[in-house]
Amino acid sequence: MSVTAPSVQALVPEPAEIIEKRSFGSRLHAYRLRLRDPAARPRFDFLPGQFNMVYVPGVGEVAISISSDPEEEDLEHTIRIVGRTTEVIDRLDVGDVLGLRGPFGSSWPLNEARWKDVLVVTGGLGCAPVTGAIDYMFRRRASFGRISILHGVKQPADLIHRDRFEAWRREPDTWVGLTADQPDRAWRDRVGVVTELFEEVEIDPVRTVVFVCGPQVMAVMAVRILERRGVPSSRIFLSLERSMKCAVGLCGHCQFGPEFVCKDGPIFSHERVARFFGVPGL
């Protein structure tokens, strides 16, 4: 099997300045980045669901989904602080510079979803990789049918982008359900796991396309429920998480069966990965 060498553009980071940093607790931040060279921006045109490699000089880089709308000039990345590279990013603020490589990977099937109902199921930080796709649909609202958004968190403090959820709730022909496993006294939405919200959603299996993003145990359960309700495996799309080191399919860190999540994903139809999805150790 031959391997195509990646382009220089895919390997060399482009400097980008932090122009805004929004924090959701002490270990989770949304960074809005602006490329130092405006002429480089067209090279970073992306589709919702794709990701960039975010680089800290002298430290390393991490794969982070792009959570902004493709039509916006700046690029937003929501980053959880979990390792050496992100620990350094945590200490950066407005005016500091990071490197970007990308965009990489596959995208949410927005063309396939056009004129159909769309069900979005997310959990935890899983909402970040799909927020750009949701904003994309609402900016083109007449091109999509009913939009249902189900999002679950462990506790209320884990709910990020609440302003976005509230704005989406105000959209026509839209249903937004939020749930928390461990609610506090101020929580006014549902209690439990996100898959329990399926009981409140009308799903027409003939005209529904589903986007699923979140912890694997949640995604596996969601797929089982959707298939029982008649949604074809070919119209259930999953965002898979793996340790992506090179982003171009050379290092092998993100191999998933015969697929490489960085270049073949991270968005897959369930039909494509059904043999491997949910198998322990893969």
C-alpha atoms as a PDB file:
ATOM      1  CA  MET A   1       0.000   0.000   0.000  1.00  0.00           C
ATOM      2  CA  SER A   2       1.478   3.346  -1.017  1.00  0.00           C
ATOM      3  CA  VAL A   3       1.289   6.385   1.259  1.00  0.00           C
ATOM      4  CA  THR A   4       1.011   9.856  -0.223  1.00  0.00           C
ATOM      5  CA  ALA A   5       3.467  12.291   1.319  1.00  0.00           C
ATOM      6  CA  PRO A   6       1.720  15.202   3.067  1.00  0.00           C
ATOM      7  CA  SER A   7       2.210  18.687   1.658  1.00  0.00           C
ATOM      8  CA  VAL A   8       4.492  21.198   3.375  1.00  0.00           C
ATOM      9  CA  GLN A   9       1.377  23.234   4.132  1.00  0.00           C
ATOM     10  CA  ALA A  10      -0.032  20.303   6.151  1.00  0.00           C
ATOM     11  CA  LEU A  11       3.120  20.095   8.264  1.00  0.00           C
ATOM     12  CA  VAL A  12       4.113  23.705   8.981  1.00  0.00           C
ATOM     13  CA  PRO A  13       2.073  25.608  11.612  1.00  0.00           C
ATOM     14  CA  GLU A  14       0.707  29.066  10.757  1.00  0.00           C
ATOM     15  CA  PRO A  15       0.946  31.694  13.560  1.00  0.00           C
ATOM     16  CA  ALA A  16      -2.415  32.718  15.032  1.00  0.00           C
ATOM     17  CA  GLU A  17      -3.074  35.266  17.769  1.00  0.00           C
ATOM     18  CA  ILE A  18      -5.527  34.727  20.616  1.00  0.00           C
ATOM     19  CA  ILE A  19      -8.048  37.576  20.344  1.00  0.00           C
ATOM     20  CA  GLU A  20     -10.556  36.258  22.892  1.00  0.00           C
ATOM     21  CA  LYS A  21     -10.519  33.724  25.714  1.00  0.00           C
ATOM     22  CA  ARG A  22     -13.742  32.625  27.420  1.00  0.00           C
ATOM     23  CA  SER A  23     -13.533  30.314  30.419  1.00  0.00           C
ATOM     24  CA  PHE A  24     -16.077  27.715  31.530  1.00  0.00           C
ATOM     25  CA  GLY A  25     -14.637  26.865  34.914  1.00  0.00           C
ATOM     26  CA  SER A  26     -10.913  26.529  35.586  1.00  0.00           C
ATOM     27  CA  ARG A  27     -10.122  23.720  33.132  1.00  0.00           C
ATOM     28  CA  LEU A  28     -12.085  24.563  30.008  1.00  0.00           C
ATOM     29  CA  HIS A  29     -11.640  27.543  27.702  1.00  0.00           C
ATOM     30  CA  ALA A  30     -12.833  28.710  24.283  1.00  0.00           C
ATOM     31  CA  TYR A  31     -10.094  30.471  22.326  1.00  0.00           C
ATOM     32  CA  ARG A  32     -10.875  32.682  19.333  1.00  0.00           C
ATOM     33  CA  LEU A  33      -7.839  32.817  17.052  1.00  0.00           C
ATOM     34  CA  ARG A  34      -6.938  35.173  14.208  1.00  0.00           C
ATOM     35  CA  LEU A  35      -4.217  34.255  11.726  1.00  0.00           C
ATOM     36  CA  ARG A  36      -1.301  36.681  11.781  1.00  0.00           C
ATOM     37  CA  ASP A  37      -1.162  36.604   7.972  1.00  0.00           C
ATOM     38  CA  PRO A  38      -4.613  37.471   6.536  1.00  0.00           C
ATOM     39  CA  ALA A  39      -3.542  35.990   3.198  1.00  0.00           C
ATOM     40  CA  ALA A  40      -3.343  32.568   4.874  1.00  0.00           C
ATOM     41  CA  ARG A  41      -7.012  32.532   5.928  1.00  0.00           C
ATOM     42  CA  PRO A  42      -8.367  30.938   2.693  1.00  0.00           C
ATOM     43  CA  ARG A  43      -6.098  27.935   3.332  1.00  0.00           C
ATOM     44  CA  PHE A  44      -7.969  27.405   6.596  1.00  0.00           C
ATOM     45  CA  ASP A  45     -11.451  27.329   5.063  1.00  0.00           C
ATOM     46  CA  PHE A  46     -13.165  24.384   6.728  1.00  0.00           C
ATOM     47  CA  LEU A  47     -16.380  22.423   6.983  1.00  0.00           C
ATOM     48  CA  PRO A  48     -18.147  21.846  10.332  1.00  0.00           C
ATOM     49  CA  GLY A  49     -16.699  18.787  12.020  1.00  0.00           C
ATOM     50  CA  GLN A  50     -13.129  19.233  10.839  1.00  0.00           C
ATOM     51  CA  PHE A  51     -10.245  19.972  13.216  1.00  0.00           C
ATOM     52  CA  ASN A  52      -6.964  21.841  13.441  1.00  0.00           C
ATOM     53  CA  MET A  53      -3.721  20.867  15.118  1.00  0.00           C
ATOM     54  CA  VAL A  54      -3.057  23.575  17.731  1.00  0.00           C
ATOM     55  CA  TYR A  55       0.688  23.994  18.290  1.00  0.00           C
ATOM     56  CA  VAL A  56       2.630  25.445  21.226  1.00  0.00           C
ATOM     57  CA  PRO A  57       6.217  26.165  20.150  1.00  0.00           C
ATOM     58  CA  GLY A  58       8.712  24.050  22.056  1.00  0.00           C
ATOM     59  CA  VAL A  59       5.991  21.999  23.754  1.00  0.00           C
ATOM     60  CA  GLY A  60       3.806  20.098  21.301  1.00  0.00           C
ATOM     61  CA  GLU A  61       0.438  20.142  19.543  1.00  0.00           C
ATOM     62  CA  VAL A  62      -3.061  18.778  20.057  1.00  0.00           C
ATOM     63  CA  ALA A  63      -5.972  18.026  17.744  1.00  0.00           C
ATOM     64  CA  ILE A  64      -8.916  20.342  18.492  1.00  0.00           C
ATOM     65  CA  SER A  65     -12.255  20.575  16.678  1.00  0.00           C
ATOM     66  CA  ILE A  66     -13.180  23.913  15.129  1.00  0.00           C
ATOM     67  CA  SER A  67     -16.317  25.124  16.886  1.00  0.00           C
ATOM     68  CA  SER A  68     -17.006  28.326  14.938  1.00  0.00           C
ATOM     69  CA  ASP A  69     -19.117  28.805  11.821  1.00  0.00           C
ATOM     70  CA  PRO A  70     -17.197  28.433   8.524  1.00  0.00           C
ATOM     71  CA  GLU A  71     -18.325  31.902   7.415  1.00  0.00           C
ATOM     72  CA  GLU A  72     -16.653  33.612  10.390  1.00  0.00           C
ATOM     73  CA  GLU A  73     -13.242  35.160   9.804  1.00  0.00           C
ATOM     74  CA  ASP A  74     -11.779  33.981  13.117  1.00  0.00           C
ATOM     75  CA  LEU A  75     -11.386  30.375  14.245  1.00  0.00           C
ATOM     76  CA  GLU A  76     -12.704  29.138  17.600  1.00  0.00           C
ATOM     77  CA  HIS A  77     -11.392  26.115  19.484  1.00  0.00           C
ATOM     78  CA  THR A  78     -12.797  24.871  22.801  1.00  0.00           C
ATOM     79  CA  ILE A  79     -10.007  23.224  24.779  1.00  0.00           C
ATOM     80  CA  ARG A  80     -10.164  21.106  27.919  1.00  0.00           C
ATOM     81  CA  ILE A  81      -6.967  21.237  29.995  1.00  0.00           C
ATOM     82  CA  VAL A  82      -5.892  17.594  30.277  1.00  0.00           C
ATOM     83  CA  GLY A  83      -2.188  17.221  29.417  1.00  0.00           C
ATOM     84  CA  ARG A  84       1.227  18.815  29.011  1.00  0.00           C
ATOM     85  CA  THR A  85       0.455  20.867  25.899  1.00  0.00           C
ATOM     86  CA  THR A  86      -2.947  22.055  27.075  1.00  0.00           C
ATOM     87  CA  GLU A  87      -1.481  22.943  30.482  1.00  0.00           C
ATOM     88  CA  VAL A  88       0.679  25.499  28.667  1.00  0.00           C
ATOM     89  CA  ILE A  89      -2.258  26.717  26.556  1.00  0.00           C
ATOM     90  CA  ASP A  90      -4.158  27.207  29.826  1.00  0.00           C
ATOM     91  CA  ARG A  91      -1.652  29.901  30.824  1.00  0.00           C
ATOM     92  CA  LEU A  92      -1.983  31.836  27.554  1.00  0.00           C
ATOM     93  CA  ASP A  93      -4.282  34.815  27.115  1.00  0.00           C
ATOM     94  CA  VAL A  94      -5.303  37.497  24.627  1.00  0.00           C
ATOM     95  CA  GLY A  95      -2.321  38.624  22.569  1.00  0.00           C
ATOM     96  CA  ASP A  96      -0.390  35.368  22.844  1.00  0.00           C
ATOM     97  CA  VAL A  97       0.361  33.378  19.703  1.00  0.00           C
ATOM     98  CA  LEU A  98      -0.246  29.724  18.864  1.00  0.00           C
ATOM     99  CA  GLY A  99       0.417  27.746  15.694  1.00  0.00           C
ATOM    100  CA  LEU A 100      -2.285  26.134  13.566  1.00  0.00           C
ATOM    101  CA  ARG A 101      -2.137  23.292  11.063  1.00  0.00           C
ATOM    102  CA  GLY A 102      -5.222  22.257   9.161  1.00  0.00           C
ATOM    103  CA  PRO A 103      -8.010  21.870   8.565  1.00  0.00           C
ATOM    104  CA  PHE A 104      -8.020  18.084   8.671  1.00  0.00           C
ATOM    105  CA  GLY A 105     -10.532  15.260   8.537  1.00  0.00           C
ATOM    106  CA  SER A 106     -14.080  14.695   7.373  1.00  0.00           C
ATOM    107  CA  SER A 107     -17.110  16.865   8.143  1.00  0.00           C
ATOM    108  CA  TRP A 108     -20.733  16.550   9.215  1.00  0.00           C
ATOM    109  CA  PRO A 109     -22.934  15.617   6.196  1.00  0.00           C
ATOM    110  CA  LEU A 110     -24.778  18.930   5.933  1.00  0.00           C
ATOM    111  CA  ASN A 111     -25.544  18.517   2.234  1.00  0.00           C
ATOM    112  CA  GLU A 112     -27.095  15.124   2.898  1.00  0.00           C
ATOM    113  CA  ALA A 113     -29.098  16.620   5.779  1.00  0.00           C
ATOM    114  CA  ARG A 114     -30.477  19.451   3.640  1.00  0.00           C
ATOM    115  CA  TRP A 115     -34.309  19.406   3.433  1.00  0.00           C
ATOM    116  CA  LYS A 116     -34.423  16.674   6.121  1.00  0.00           C
ATOM    117  CA  ASP A 117     -35.058  16.603   9.867  1.00  0.00           C
ATOM    118  CA  VAL A 118     -31.851  16.667  11.910  1.00  0.00           C
ATOM    119  CA  LEU A 119     -31.362  15.139  15.358  1.00  0.00           C
ATOM    120  CA  VAL A 120     -28.199  16.148  17.246  1.00  0.00           C
ATOM    121  CA  VAL A 121     -27.198  14.061  20.288  1.00  0.00           C
ATOM    122  CA  THR A 122     -24.236  15.216  22.381  1.00  0.00           C
ATOM    123  CA  GLY A 123     -22.733  14.707  25.810  1.00  0.00           C
ATOM    124  CA  GLY A 124     -20.227  16.618  27.926  1.00  0.00           C
ATOM    125  CA  LEU A 125     -17.757  18.579  25.837  1.00  0.00           C
ATOM    126  CA  GLY A 126     -19.140  16.677  22.839  1.00  0.00           C
ATOM    127  CA  CYS A 127     -21.177  19.726  21.915  1.00  0.00           C
ATOM    128  CA  ALA A 128     -18.060  21.615  20.797  1.00  0.00           C
ATOM    129  CA  PRO A 129     -17.354  19.643  17.574  1.00  0.00           C
ATOM    130  CA  VAL A 130     -20.955  20.077  16.428  1.00  0.00           C
ATOM    131  CA  THR A 131     -21.750  23.672  17.447  1.00  0.00           C
ATOM    132  CA  GLY A 132     -20.409  24.975  14.142  1.00  0.00           C
ATOM    133  CA  ALA A 133     -22.710  22.597  12.248  1.00  0.00           C
ATOM    134  CA  ILE A 134     -25.731  23.685  14.313  1.00  0.00           C
ATOM    135  CA  ASP A 135     -24.967  27.375  13.745  1.00  0.00           C
ATOM    136  CA  TYR A 136     -24.513  26.612  10.044  1.00  0.00           C
ATOM    137  CA  MET A 137     -28.013  25.083   9.857  1.00  0.00           C
ATOM    138  CA  PHE A 138     -29.676  27.927  11.706  1.00  0.00           C
ATOM    139  CA  ARG A 139     -28.043  30.499   9.434  1.00  0.00           C
ATOM    140  CA  ARG A 140     -29.662  28.592   6.575  1.00  0.00           C
ATOM    141  CA  ARG A 141     -32.813  27.642   8.494  1.00  0.00           C
ATOM    142  CA  ALA A 142     -35.106  27.378   5.468  1.00  0.00           C
ATOM    143  CA  SER A 143     -32.940  24.590   4.024  1.00  0.00           C
ATOM    144  CA  PHE A 144     -33.517  22.151   6.907  1.00  0.00           C
ATOM    145  CA  GLY A 145     -36.554  20.502   8.479  1.00  0.00           C
ATOM    146  CA  ARG A 146     -37.177  20.081  12.199  1.00  0.00           C
ATOM    147  CA  ILE A 147     -34.010  20.353  14.282  1.00  0.00           C
ATOM    148  CA  SER A 148     -33.867  18.526  17.631  1.00  0.00           C
ATOM    149  CA  ILE A 149     -30.852  18.997  19.923  1.00  0.00           C
ATOM    150  CA  LEU A 150     -30.281  16.706  22.916  1.00  0.00           C
ATOM    151  CA  HIS A 151     -27.379  17.470  25.225  1.00  0.00           C
ATOM    152  CA  GLY A 152     -26.385  15.857  28.478  1.00  0.00           C
ATOM    153  CA  VAL A 153     -23.849  16.804  31.145  1.00  0.00           C
ATOM    154  CA  LYS A 154     -22.703  15.191  34.372  1.00  0.00           C
ATOM    155  CA  GLN A 155     -23.371  18.320  36.434  1.00  0.00           C
ATOM    156  CA  PRO A 156     -24.622  21.843  35.594  1.00  0.00           C
ATOM    157  CA  ALA A 157     -21.119  23.337  35.792  1.00  0.00           C
ATOM    158  CA  ASP A 158     -20.198  21.196  32.769  1.00  0.00           C
ATOM    159  CA  LEU A 159     -22.729  22.972  30.536  1.00  0.00           C
ATOM    160  CA  ILE A 160     -20.795  25.256  28.213  1.00  0.00           C
ATOM    161  CA  HIS A 161     -22.244  27.541  25.540  1.00  0.00           C
ATOM    162  CA  ARG A 162     -25.533  27.877  27.477  1.00  0.00           C
ATOM    163  CA  ASP A 163     -26.154  31.102  25.565  1.00  0.00           C
ATOM    164  CA  ARG A 164     -26.067  29.153  22.324  1.00  0.00           C
ATOM    165  CA  PHE A 165     -28.547  26.554  23.601  1.00  0.00           C
ATOM    166  CA  GLU A 166     -30.923  29.300  24.714  1.00  0.00           C
ATOM    167  CA  ALA A 167     -30.648  31.015  21.325  1.00  0.00           C
ATOM    168  CA  TRP A 168     -31.317  27.733  19.522  1.00  0.00           C
ATOM    169  CA  ARG A 169     -34.410  27.165  21.654  1.00  0.00           C
ATOM    170  CA  ARG A 170     -35.892  30.346  20.222  1.00  0.00           C
ATOM    171  CA  GLU A 171     -35.561  29.138  16.634  1.00  0.00           C
ATOM    172  CA  PRO A 172     -38.692  27.967  14.755  1.00  0.00           C
ATOM    173  CA  ASP A 173     -39.450  24.241  14.423  1.00  0.00           C
ATOM    174  CA  THR A 174     -36.705  23.422  16.928  1.00  0.00           C
ATOM    175  CA  TRP A 175     -36.640  21.373  20.132  1.00  0.00           C
ATOM    176  CA  VAL A 176     -33.750  21.575  22.614  1.00  0.00           C
ATOM    177  CA  GLY A 177     -33.477  19.170  25.530  1.00  0.00           C
ATOM    178  CA  LEU A 178     -30.863  19.494  28.276  1.00  0.00           C
ATOM    179  CA  THR A 179     -30.241  17.026  31.062  1.00  0.00           C
ATOM    180  CA  ALA A 180     -27.831  16.608  33.987  1.00  0.00           C
ATOM    181  CA  ASP A 181     -26.905  13.434  35.861  1.00  0.00           C
ATOM    182  CA  GLN A 182     -26.189  15.324  39.087  1.00  0.00           C
ATOM    183  CA  PRO A 183     -28.362  18.478  39.169  1.00  0.00           C
ATOM    184  CA  ASP A 184     -28.021  21.294  41.677  1.00  0.00           C
ATOM    185  CA  ARG A 185     -30.864  23.333  43.154  1.00  0.00           C
ATOM    186  CA  ALA A 186     -30.713  25.884  40.339  1.00  0.00           C
ATOM    187  CA  TRP A 187     -31.072  23.310  37.551  1.00  0.00           C
ATOM    188  CA  ARG A 188     -34.418  23.691  35.751  1.00  0.00           C
ATOM    189  CA  ASP A 189     -34.029  21.164  32.914  1.00  0.00           C
ATOM    190  CA  ARG A 190     -34.325  17.380  32.875  1.00  0.00           C
ATOM    191  CA  VAL A 191     -32.476  15.012  35.202  1.00  0.00           C
ATOM    192  CA  GLY A 192     -30.801  11.834  33.981  1.00  0.00           C
ATOM    193  CA  VAL A 193     -28.709  10.680  31.028  1.00  0.00           C
ATOM    194  CA  VAL A 194     -29.113  12.219  27.598  1.00  0.00           C
ATOM    195  CA  THR A 195     -30.480   9.062  25.946  1.00  0.00           C
ATOM    196  CA  GLU A 196     -33.567   9.284  28.193  1.00  0.00           C
ATOM    197  CA  LEU A 197     -34.540  12.365  26.164  1.00  0.00           C
ATOM    198  CA  PHE A 198     -35.255  10.145  23.162  1.00  0.00           C
ATOM    199  CA  GLU A 199     -38.623   9.432  24.770  1.00  0.00           C
ATOM    200  CA  GLU A 200     -39.565  13.097  24.211  1.00  0.00           C
ATOM    201  CA  VAL A 201     -38.466  13.387  20.585  1.00  0.00           C
ATOM    202  CA  GLU A 202     -40.483  12.589  17.499  1.00  0.00           C
ATOM    203  CA  ILE A 203     -38.283  10.765  14.971  1.00  0.00           C
ATOM    204  CA  ASP A 204     -39.400  10.086  11.422  1.00  0.00           C
ATOM    205  CA  PRO A 205     -36.889   7.406  10.338  1.00  0.00           C
ATOM    206  CA  VAL A 206     -37.577   8.102   6.672  1.00  0.00           C
ATOM    207  CA  ARG A 207     -36.452  11.737   6.803  1.00  0.00           C
ATOM    208  CA  THR A 208     -34.104  12.028   9.781  1.00  0.00           C
ATOM    209  CA  VAL A 209     -30.320  12.432   9.757  1.00  0.00           C
ATOM    210  CA  VAL A 210     -28.557  12.063  13.117  1.00  0.00           C
ATOM    211  CA  PHE A 211     -25.319  13.625  14.404  1.00  0.00           C
ATOM    212  CA  VAL A 212     -23.862  11.970  17.545  1.00  0.00           C
ATOM    213  CA  CYS A 213     -20.882  13.309  19.486  1.00  0.00           C
ATOM    214  CA  GLY A 214     -19.769  12.506  23.018  1.00  0.00           C
ATOM    215  CA  PRO A 215     -18.499   9.717  25.261  1.00  0.00           C
ATOM    216  CA  GLN A 216     -18.453   6.338  23.550  1.00  0.00           C
ATOM    217  CA  VAL A 217     -20.774   4.673  26.064  1.00  0.00           C
ATOM    218  CA  MET A 218     -23.376   7.360  25.353  1.00  0.00           C
ATOM    219  CA  ALA A 219     -22.914   7.049  21.589  1.00  0.00           C
ATOM    220  CA  VAL A 220     -23.260   3.256  21.652  1.00  0.00           C
ATOM    221  CA  MET A 221     -26.503   3.505  23.615  1.00  0.00           C
ATOM    222  CA  ALA A 222     -27.822   6.234  21.299  1.00  0.00           C
ATOM    223  CA  VAL A 223     -27.136   4.133  18.202  1.00  0.00           C
ATOM    224  CA  ARG A 224     -29.004   1.157  19.685  1.00  0.00           C
ATOM    225  CA  ILE A 225     -32.053   3.289  20.431  1.00  0.00           C
ATOM    226  CA  LEU A 226     -32.000   4.927  16.998  1.00  0.00           C
ATOM    227  CA  GLU A 227     -31.774   1.596  15.188  1.00  0.00           C
ATOM    228  CA  ARG A 228     -34.673   0.237  17.264  1.00  0.00           C
ATOM    229  CA  ARG A 229     -36.672   3.267  16.126  1.00  0.00           C
ATOM    230  CA  GLY A 230     -35.922   2.488  12.505  1.00  0.00           C
ATOM    231  CA  VAL A 231     -33.230   5.029  11.636  1.00  0.00           C
ATOM    232  CA  PRO A 232     -30.895   3.448   9.040  1.00  0.00           C
ATOM    233  CA  SER A 233     -27.287   2.967  10.081  1.00  0.00           C
ATOM    234  CA  SER A 234     -26.248   4.905   6.972  1.00  0.00           C
ATOM    235  CA  ARG A 235     -27.950   8.071   8.311  1.00  0.00           C
ATOM    236  CA  ILE A 236     -26.406   7.983  11.792  1.00  0.00           C
ATOM    237  CA  PHE A 237     -23.136   9.937  11.850  1.00  0.00           C
ATOM    238  CA  LEU A 238     -20.598   9.739  14.674  1.00  0.00           C
ATOM    239  CA  SER A 239     -17.690  11.942  15.708  1.00  0.00           C
ATOM    240  CA  LEU A 240     -14.978   9.609  17.005  1.00  0.00           C
ATOM    241  CA  GLU A 241     -12.192  10.591  19.373  1.00  0.00           C
ATOM    242  CA  ARG A 242      -8.707   9.107  19.193  1.00  0.00           C
ATOM    243  CA  SER A 243      -5.199  10.286  20.032  1.00  0.00           C
ATOM    244  CA  MET A 244      -4.270  12.121  16.825  1.00  0.00           C
ATOM    245  CA  LYS A 245      -0.567  12.994  16.667  1.00  0.00           C
ATOM    246  CA  CYS A 246       0.262  13.734  13.018  1.00  0.00           C
ATOM    247  CA  ALA A 247      -3.184  14.469  11.472  1.00  0.00           C
ATOM    248  CA  VAL A 248      -2.123  13.014   8.110  1.00  0.00           C
ATOM    249  CA  GLY A 249      -2.375   9.253   8.680  1.00  0.00           C
ATOM    250  CA  LEU A 250       1.342   8.475   9.034  1.00  0.00           C
ATOM    251  CA  CYS A 251       1.965   7.851  12.748  1.00  0.00           C
ATOM    252  CA  GLY A 252      -0.815   5.297  13.314  1.00  0.00           C
ATOM    253  CA  HIS A 253      -1.809   6.559  16.772  1.00  0.00           C
ATOM    254  CA  CYS A 254      -5.442   7.012  15.773  1.00  0.00           C
ATOM    255  CA  GLN A 255      -5.995   3.760  13.864  1.00  0.00           C
ATOM    256  CA  PHE A 256      -9.507   2.364  14.334  1.00  0.00           C
ATOM    257  CA  GLY A 257      -9.826  -0.999  12.640  1.00  0.00           C
ATOM    258  CA  PRO A 258      -8.812  -0.292   9.017  1.00  0.00           C
ATOM    259  CA  GLU A 259      -9.537   3.436   9.389  1.00  0.00           C
ATOM    260  CA  PHE A 260      -7.419   6.362  10.551  1.00  0.00           C
ATOM    261  CA  VAL A 261      -9.543   8.812  12.504  1.00  0.00           C
ATOM    262  CA  CYS A 262      -7.403  11.814  11.521  1.00  0.00           C
ATOM    263  CA  LYS A 263      -7.732  11.418   7.752  1.00  0.00           C
ATOM    264  CA  ASP A 264     -10.753   9.105   7.270  1.00  0.00           C
ATOM    265  CA  GLY A 265     -12.738  10.700  10.116  1.00  0.00           C
ATOM    266  CA  PRO A 266     -13.357  12.048  12.652  1.00  0.00           C
ATOM    267  CA  ILE A 267     -16.913  11.967  11.260  1.00  0.00           C
ATOM    268  CA  PHE A 268     -18.033   8.499  10.160  1.00  0.00           C
ATOM    269  CA  SER A 269     -21.378   7.018   9.235  1.00  0.00           C
ATOM    270  CA  HIS A 270     -22.254   4.255  11.684  1.00  0.00           C
ATOM    271  CA  GLU A 271     -22.671   1.945   8.710  1.00  0.00           C
ATOM    272  CA  ARG A 272     -18.981   2.376   7.875  1.00  0.00           C
ATOM    273  CA  VAL A 273     -17.619   1.590  11.362  1.00  0.00           C
ATOM    274  CA  ALA A 274     -20.349  -0.669  12.776  1.00  0.00           C
ATOM    275  CA  ARG A 275     -18.052  -3.738  12.919  1.00  0.00           C
ATOM    276  CA  PHE A 276     -15.640  -1.953  15.238  1.00  0.00           C
ATOM    277  CA  PHE A 277     -17.748   0.652  17.035  1.00  0.00           C
ATOM    278  CA  GLY A 278     -18.172  -0.154  20.722  1.00  0.00           C
ATOM    279  CA  VAL A 279     -15.766  -3.109  20.643  1.00  0.00           C
ATOM    280  CA  PRO A 280     -13.626  -3.044  23.818  1.00  0.00           C
ATOM    281  CA  GLY A 281      -9.964  -2.267  23.176  1.00  0.00           C
ATOM    282  CA  LEU A 282     -10.455  -0.612  19.804  1.00  0.00           C
END
